Amino acid sequence: ADAFVITGQDKDVMGMQDVTTKSTVINAKG
């Protein structure tokens, strides 16, 4: 995806510990 929106509650939300992406990652918490 071009962007990922996460809750920030699970550090390993994508199932990978070391994720490198050029996509935007937004923590939607709050």
PDB file of all heavy atoms in Angstrom:
ATOM      1  N   ALA A   1       0.831  -1.193   0.000  1.00  0.00           N
ATOM      2  CA  ALA A   1       0.000   0.000   0.000  1.00  0.00           C
ATOM      3  C   ALA A   1       0.871   1.249   0.000  1.00  0.00           C
ATOM      4  O   ALA A   1       2.059   1.194   0.300  1.00  0.00           O
ATOM      5  CB  ALA A   1      -0.918  -0.003   1.216  1.00  0.00           C
ATOM      6  N   ASP A   2       0.230   2.371  -0.322  1.00  0.00           N
ATOM      7  CA  ASP A   2       0.912   3.664  -0.281  1.00  0.00           C
ATOM      8  C   ASP A   2       1.022   4.181   1.150  1.00  0.00           C
ATOM      9  O   ASP A   2       1.912   4.952   1.481  1.00  0.00           O
ATOM     10  CB  ASP A   2       0.139   4.685  -1.126  1.00  0.00           C
ATOM     11  CG  ASP A   2       0.030   4.255  -2.572  1.00  0.00           C
ATOM     12  OD1 ASP A   2       1.078   3.983  -3.192  1.00  0.00           O
ATOM     13  OD2 ASP A   2      -1.102   4.177  -3.090  1.00  0.00           O
ATOM     14  N   ALA A   3       0.069   3.758   1.994  1.00  0.00           N
ATOM     15  CA  ALA A   3       0.063   4.180   3.393  1.00  0.00           C
ATOM     16  C   ALA A   3      -0.527   3.068   4.246  1.00  0.00           C
ATOM     17  O   ALA A   3      -1.358   2.291   3.781  1.00  0.00           O
ATOM     18  CB  ALA A   3      -0.756   5.452   3.562  1.00  0.00           C
ATOM     19  N   PHE A   4      -0.075   3.017   5.499  1.00  0.00           N
ATOM     20  CA  PHE A   4      -0.564   2.039   6.462  1.00  0.00           C
ATOM     21  C   PHE A   4      -1.092   2.805   7.667  1.00  0.00           C
ATOM     22  O   PHE A   4      -0.436   3.722   8.150  1.00  0.00           O
ATOM     23  CB  PHE A   4       0.569   1.111   6.915  1.00  0.00           C
ATOM     24  CG  PHE A   4       1.136   0.279   5.796  1.00  0.00           C
ATOM     25  CD1 PHE A   4       2.199   0.731   5.045  1.00  0.00           C
ATOM     26  CD2 PHE A   4       0.583  -0.956   5.505  1.00  0.00           C
ATOM     27  CE1 PHE A   4       2.725  -0.031   4.007  1.00  0.00           C
ATOM     28  CE2 PHE A   4       1.095  -1.735   4.469  1.00  0.00           C
ATOM     29  CZ  PHE A   4       2.161  -1.270   3.719  1.00  0.00           C
ATOM     30  N   VAL A   5      -2.259   2.404   8.158  1.00  0.00           N
ATOM     31  CA  VAL A   5      -2.840   3.026   9.348  1.00  0.00           C
ATOM     32  C   VAL A   5      -2.946   1.941  10.410  1.00  0.00           C
ATOM     33  O   VAL A   5      -3.588   0.916  10.211  1.00  0.00           O
ATOM     34  CB  VAL A   5      -4.227   3.641   9.052  1.00  0.00           C
ATOM     35  CG1 VAL A   5      -4.770   4.329  10.303  1.00  0.00           C
ATOM     36  CG2 VAL A   5      -4.145   4.640   7.898  1.00  0.00           C
ATOM     37  N   ILE A   6      -2.285   2.200  11.542  1.00  0.00           N
ATOM     38  CA  ILE A   6      -2.225   1.216  12.624  1.00  0.00           C
ATOM     39  C   ILE A   6      -2.735   1.845  13.917  1.00  0.00           C
ATOM     40  O   ILE A   6      -2.805   3.068  14.040  1.00  0.00           O
ATOM     41  CB  ILE A   6      -0.788   0.692  12.818  1.00  0.00           C
ATOM     42  CG1 ILE A   6       0.161   1.831  13.207  1.00  0.00           C
ATOM     43  CG2 ILE A   6      -0.294  -0.006  11.558  1.00  0.00           C
ATOM     44  CD1 ILE A   6       1.544   1.387  13.629  1.00  0.00           C
ATOM     45  N   THR A   7      -3.047   0.986  14.893  1.00  0.00           N
ATOM     46  CA  THR A   7      -3.490   1.486  16.194  1.00  0.00           C
ATOM     47  C   THR A   7      -2.317   1.814  17.101  1.00  0.00           C
ATOM     48  O   THR A   7      -2.472   2.539  18.061  1.00  0.00           O
ATOM     49  CB  THR A   7      -4.374   0.458  16.925  1.00  0.00           C
ATOM     50  OG1 THR A   7      -3.601  -0.719  17.154  1.00  0.00           O
ATOM     51  CG2 THR A   7      -5.624   0.142  16.136  1.00  0.00           C
ATOM     52  N   GLY A   8      -1.173   1.230  16.812  1.00  0.00           N
ATOM     53  CA  GLY A   8      -0.007   1.452  17.654  1.00  0.00           C
ATOM     54  C   GLY A   8       0.020   0.557  18.874  1.00  0.00           C
ATOM     55  O   GLY A   8       0.950   0.612  19.666  1.00  0.00           O
ATOM     56  N   GLN A   9      -1.001  -0.297  19.036  1.00  0.00           N
ATOM     57  CA  GLN A   9      -1.052  -1.167  20.205  1.00  0.00           C
ATOM     58  C   GLN A   9      -0.181  -2.401  20.048  1.00  0.00           C
ATOM     59  O   GLN A   9       0.287  -2.954  21.020  1.00  0.00           O
ATOM     60  CB  GLN A   9      -2.494  -1.586  20.470  1.00  0.00           C
ATOM     61  CG  GLN A   9      -3.343  -0.415  20.874  1.00  0.00           C
ATOM     62  CD  GLN A   9      -4.768  -0.831  21.157  1.00  0.00           C
ATOM     63  OE1 GLN A   9      -5.091  -2.007  21.197  1.00  0.00           O
ATOM     64  NE2 GLN A   9      -5.615   0.147  21.355  1.00  0.00           N
ATOM     65  N   ASP A  10       0.031  -2.846  18.827  1.00  0.00           N
ATOM     66  CA  ASP A  10       0.832  -4.042  18.582  1.00  0.00           C
ATOM     67  C   ASP A  10       2.074  -3.638  17.806  1.00  0.00           C
ATOM     68  O   ASP A  10       1.988  -3.284  16.645  1.00  0.00           O
ATOM     69  CB  ASP A  10       0.003  -5.066  17.783  1.00  0.00           C
ATOM     70  CG  ASP A  10       0.731  -6.379  17.588  1.00  0.00           C
ATOM     71  OD1 ASP A  10       1.929  -6.464  17.933  1.00  0.00           O
ATOM     72  OD2 ASP A  10       0.107  -7.317  17.086  1.00  0.00           O
ATOM     73  N   LYS A  11       3.229  -3.697  18.439  1.00  0.00           N
ATOM     74  CA  LYS A  11       4.461  -3.278  17.779  1.00  0.00           C
ATOM     75  C   LYS A  11       4.750  -4.109  16.536  1.00  0.00           C
ATOM     76  O   LYS A  11       5.384  -3.645  15.609  1.00  0.00           O
ATOM     77  CB  LYS A  11       5.655  -3.405  18.738  1.00  0.00           C
ATOM     78  CG  LYS A  11       5.627  -2.456  19.882  1.00  0.00           C
ATOM     79  CD  LYS A  11       6.931  -2.461  20.643  1.00  0.00           C
ATOM     80  CE  LYS A  11       7.428  -3.848  20.963  1.00  0.00           C
ATOM     81  NZ  LYS A  11       8.570  -3.874  21.873  1.00  0.00           N
ATOM     82  N   ASP A  12       4.287  -5.347  16.537  1.00  0.00           N
ATOM     83  CA  ASP A  12       4.587  -6.261  15.441  1.00  0.00           C
ATOM     84  C   ASP A  12       3.329  -6.529  14.611  1.00  0.00           C
ATOM     85  O   ASP A  12       3.039  -7.641  14.235  1.00  0.00           O
ATOM     86  CB  ASP A  12       5.145  -7.576  16.004  1.00  0.00           C
ATOM     87  CG  ASP A  12       5.753  -8.455  14.928  1.00  0.00           C
ATOM     88  OD1 ASP A  12       6.102  -7.933  13.857  1.00  0.00           O
ATOM     89  OD2 ASP A  12       5.857  -9.664  15.170  1.00  0.00           O
ATOM     90  N   VAL A  13       2.585  -5.464  14.300  1.00  0.00           N
ATOM     91  CA  VAL A  13       1.286  -5.584  13.652  1.00  0.00           C
ATOM     92  C   VAL A  13       1.345  -6.262  12.288  1.00  0.00           C
ATOM     93  O   VAL A  13       0.408  -6.910  11.872  1.00  0.00           O
ATOM     94  CB  VAL A  13       0.606  -4.200  13.556  1.00  0.00           C
ATOM     95  CG1 VAL A  13       1.294  -3.322  12.529  1.00  0.00           C
ATOM     96  CG2 VAL A  13      -0.863  -4.353  13.208  1.00  0.00           C
ATOM     97  N   MET A  14       2.451  -6.149  11.587  1.00  0.00           N
ATOM     98  CA  MET A  14       2.536  -6.711  10.256  1.00  0.00           C
ATOM     99  C   MET A  14       3.135  -8.117  10.258  1.00  0.00           C
ATOM    100  O   MET A  14       3.342  -8.705   9.215  1.00  0.00           O
ATOM    101  CB  MET A  14       3.321  -5.785   9.332  1.00  0.00           C
ATOM    102  CG  MET A  14       2.600  -4.460   9.134  1.00  0.00           C
ATOM    103  SD  MET A  14       3.513  -3.298   8.143  1.00  0.00           S
ATOM    104  CE  MET A  14       3.324  -4.037   6.533  1.00  0.00           C
ATOM    105  N   GLY A  15       3.421  -8.653  11.431  1.00  0.00           N
ATOM    106  CA  GLY A  15       3.941 -10.005  11.508  1.00  0.00           C
ATOM    107  C   GLY A  15       5.433 -10.092  11.242  1.00  0.00           C
ATOM    108  O   GLY A  15       5.976 -11.158  11.048  1.00  0.00           O
ATOM    109  N   MET A  16       6.076  -8.957  11.223  1.00  0.00           N
ATOM    110  CA  MET A  16       7.522  -8.917  10.981  1.00  0.00           C
ATOM    111  C   MET A  16       8.133  -7.965  11.989  1.00  0.00           C
ATOM    112  O   MET A  16       7.583  -6.895  12.227  1.00  0.00           O
ATOM    113  CB  MET A  16       7.797  -8.407   9.556  1.00  0.00           C
ATOM    114  CG  MET A  16       7.190  -9.277   8.469  1.00  0.00           C
ATOM    115  SD  MET A  16       7.264  -8.477   6.870  1.00  0.00           S
ATOM    116  CE  MET A  16       5.787  -7.480   6.936  1.00  0.00           C
ATOM    117  N   GLN A  17       9.259  -8.317  12.540  1.00  0.00           N
ATOM    118  CA  GLN A  17       9.857  -7.451  13.543  1.00  0.00           C
ATOM    119  C   GLN A  17      10.607  -6.279  12.925  1.00  0.00           C
ATOM    120  O   GLN A  17      10.582  -5.188  13.468  1.00  0.00           O
ATOM    121  CB  GLN A  17      10.781  -8.249  14.446  1.00  0.00           C
ATOM    122  CG  GLN A  17      10.021  -9.203  15.343  1.00  0.00           C
ATOM    123  CD  GLN A  17      10.938  -9.902  16.309  1.00  0.00           C
ATOM    124  OE1 GLN A  17      12.153  -9.925  16.132  1.00  0.00           O
ATOM    125  NE2 GLN A  17      10.361 -10.492  17.327  1.00  0.00           N
ATOM    126  N   ASP A  18      11.267  -6.496  11.832  1.00  0.00           N
ATOM    127  CA  ASP A  18      12.055  -5.436  11.209  1.00  0.00           C
ATOM    128  C   ASP A  18      11.442  -5.076   9.861  1.00  0.00           C
ATOM    129  O   ASP A  18      11.820  -5.603   8.830  1.00  0.00           O
ATOM    130  CB  ASP A  18      13.509  -5.876  11.002  1.00  0.00           C
ATOM    131  CG  ASP A  18      14.199  -6.149  12.322  1.00  0.00           C
ATOM    132  OD1 ASP A  18      13.989  -5.351  13.251  1.00  0.00           O
ATOM    133  OD2 ASP A  18      14.933  -7.130  12.416  1.00  0.00           O
ATOM    134  N   VAL A  19      10.496  -4.174   9.899  1.00  0.00           N
ATOM    135  CA  VAL A  19       9.801  -3.778   8.676  1.00  0.00           C
ATOM    136  C   VAL A  19      10.417  -2.491   8.157  1.00  0.00           C
ATOM    137  O   VAL A  19      10.551  -1.521   8.889  1.00  0.00           O
ATOM    138  CB  VAL A  19       8.291  -3.554   8.947  1.00  0.00           C
ATOM    139  CG1 VAL A  19       7.608  -3.058   7.693  1.00  0.00           C
ATOM    140  CG2 VAL A  19       7.665  -4.831   9.446  1.00  0.00           C
ATOM    141  N   THR A  20      10.799  -2.513   6.904  1.00  0.00           N
ATOM    142  CA  THR A  20      11.296  -1.315   6.259  1.00  0.00           C
ATOM    143  C   THR A  20      10.363  -1.020   5.094  1.00  0.00           C
ATOM    144  O   THR A  20      10.130  -1.880   4.252  1.00  0.00           O
ATOM    145  CB  THR A  20      12.726  -1.519   5.725  1.00  0.00           C
ATOM    146  OG1 THR A  20      13.559  -1.885   6.819  1.00  0.00           O
ATOM    147  CG2 THR A  20      13.259  -0.263   5.093  1.00  0.00           C
ATOM    148  N   THR A  21       9.830   0.183   5.074  1.00  0.00           N
ATOM    149  CA  THR A  21       8.912   0.552   4.009  1.00  0.00           C
ATOM    150  C   THR A  21       9.112   2.006   3.645  1.00  0.00           C
ATOM    151  O   THR A  21       9.469   2.815   4.497  1.00  0.00           O
ATOM    152  CB  THR A  21       7.449   0.294   4.410  1.00  0.00           C
ATOM    153  OG1 THR A  21       6.608   0.658   3.324  1.00  0.00           O
ATOM    154  CG2 THR A  21       7.038   1.068   5.645  1.00  0.00           C
ATOM    155  N   LYS A  22       8.905   2.304   2.394  1.00  0.00           N
ATOM    156  CA  LYS A  22       8.934   3.692   1.944  1.00  0.00           C
ATOM    157  C   LYS A  22       7.548   4.299   2.027  1.00  0.00           C
ATOM    158  O   LYS A  22       7.365   5.475   1.785  1.00  0.00           O
ATOM    159  CB  LYS A  22       9.472   3.767   0.516  1.00  0.00           C
ATOM    160  CG  LYS A  22      10.928   3.378   0.419  1.00  0.00           C
ATOM    161  CD  LYS A  22      11.453   3.492  -0.980  1.00  0.00           C
ATOM    162  CE  LYS A  22      12.909   3.067  -1.019  1.00  0.00           C
ATOM    163  NZ  LYS A  22      13.496   3.167  -2.321  1.00  0.00           N
ATOM    164  N   SER A  23       6.572   3.487   2.383  1.00  0.00           N
ATOM    165  CA  SER A  23       5.198   3.949   2.517  1.00  0.00           C
ATOM    166  C   SER A  23       5.023   4.712   3.823  1.00  0.00           C
ATOM    167  O   SER A  23       5.763   4.528   4.780  1.00  0.00           O
ATOM    168  CB  SER A  23       4.236   2.761   2.497  1.00  0.00           C
ATOM    169  OG  SER A  23       4.365   2.037   1.302  1.00  0.00           O
ATOM    170  N   THR A  24       4.002   5.531   3.862  1.00  0.00           N
ATOM    171  CA  THR A  24       3.656   6.284   5.056  1.00  0.00           C
ATOM    172  C   THR A  24       3.004   5.356   6.070  1.00  0.00           C
ATOM    173  O   THR A  24       2.142   4.559   5.712  1.00  0.00           O
ATOM    174  CB  THR A  24       2.675   7.417   4.685  1.00  0.00           C
ATOM    175  OG1 THR A  24       3.317   8.280   3.748  1.00  0.00           O
ATOM    176  CG2 THR A  24       2.250   8.210   5.884  1.00  0.00           C
ATOM    177  N   VAL A  25       3.419   5.453   7.324  1.00  0.00           N
ATOM    178  CA  VAL A  25       2.802   4.688   8.399  1.00  0.00           C
ATOM    179  C   VAL A  25       2.222   5.692   9.390  1.00  0.00           C
ATOM    180  O   VAL A  25       2.937   6.537   9.921  1.00  0.00           O
ATOM    181  CB  VAL A  25       3.808   3.753   9.102  1.00  0.00           C
ATOM    182  CG1 VAL A  25       3.139   3.012  10.255  1.00  0.00           C
ATOM    183  CG2 VAL A  25       4.416   2.779   8.105  1.00  0.00           C
ATOM    184  N   ILE A  26       0.904   5.602   9.619  1.00  0.00           N
ATOM    185  CA  ILE A  26       0.204   6.520  10.515  1.00  0.00           C
ATOM    186  C   ILE A  26      -0.246   5.746  11.748  1.00  0.00           C
ATOM    187  O   ILE A  26      -0.939   4.739  11.634  1.00  0.00           O
ATOM    188  CB  ILE A  26      -1.046   7.130   9.827  1.00  0.00           C
ATOM    189  CG1 ILE A  26      -0.694   7.811   8.511  1.00  0.00           C
ATOM    190  CG2 ILE A  26      -1.789   8.052  10.790  1.00  0.00           C
ATOM    191  CD1 ILE A  26       0.109   9.065   8.627  1.00  0.00           C
ATOM    192  N   ASN A  27       0.133   6.223  12.916  1.00  0.00           N
ATOM    193  CA  ASN A  27      -0.362   5.664  14.170  1.00  0.00           C
ATOM    194  C   ASN A  27      -1.637   6.433  14.511  1.00  0.00           C
ATOM    195  O   ASN A  27      -1.590   7.614  14.844  1.00  0.00           O
ATOM    196  CB  ASN A  27       0.682   5.825  15.274  1.00  0.00           C
ATOM    197  CG  ASN A  27       0.238   5.231  16.589  1.00  0.00           C
ATOM    198  OD1 ASN A  27      -0.937   4.970  16.813  1.00  0.00           O
ATOM    199  ND2 ASN A  27       1.192   5.031  17.474  1.00  0.00           N
ATOM    200  N   ALA A  28      -2.789   5.764  14.407  1.00  0.00           N
ATOM    201  CA  ALA A  28      -4.084   6.418  14.561  1.00  0.00           C
ATOM    202  C   ALA A  28      -4.539   6.557  16.013  1.00  0.00           C
ATOM    203  O   ALA A  28      -5.620   7.079  16.265  1.00  0.00           O
ATOM    204  CB  ALA A  28      -5.136   5.648  13.766  1.00  0.00           C
ATOM    205  N   LYS A  29      -3.711   6.127  16.946  1.00  0.00           N
ATOM    206  CA  LYS A  29      -4.112   6.189  18.358  1.00  0.00           C
ATOM    207  C   LYS A  29      -4.435   7.633  18.752  1.00  0.00           C
ATOM    208  O   LYS A  29      -3.607   8.530  18.613  1.00  0.00           O
ATOM    209  CB  LYS A  29      -2.998   5.643  19.244  1.00  0.00           C
ATOM    210  CG  LYS A  29      -3.370   5.587  20.710  1.00  0.00           C
ATOM    211  CD  LYS A  29      -2.276   4.978  21.540  1.00  0.00           C
ATOM    212  CE  LYS A  29      -2.689   4.933  22.986  1.00  0.00           C
ATOM    213  NZ  LYS A  29      -1.638   4.361  23.814  1.00  0.00           N
ATOM    214  N   GLY A  30      -5.665   7.845  19.208  1.00  0.00           N
ATOM    215  CA  GLY A  30      -6.092   9.163  19.666  1.00  0.00           C
ATOM    216  C   GLY A  30      -6.485  10.126  18.559  1.00  0.00           C
ATOM    217  O   GLY A  30      -6.787  11.285  18.834  1.00  0.00           O
TER     218      GLY A  30
END
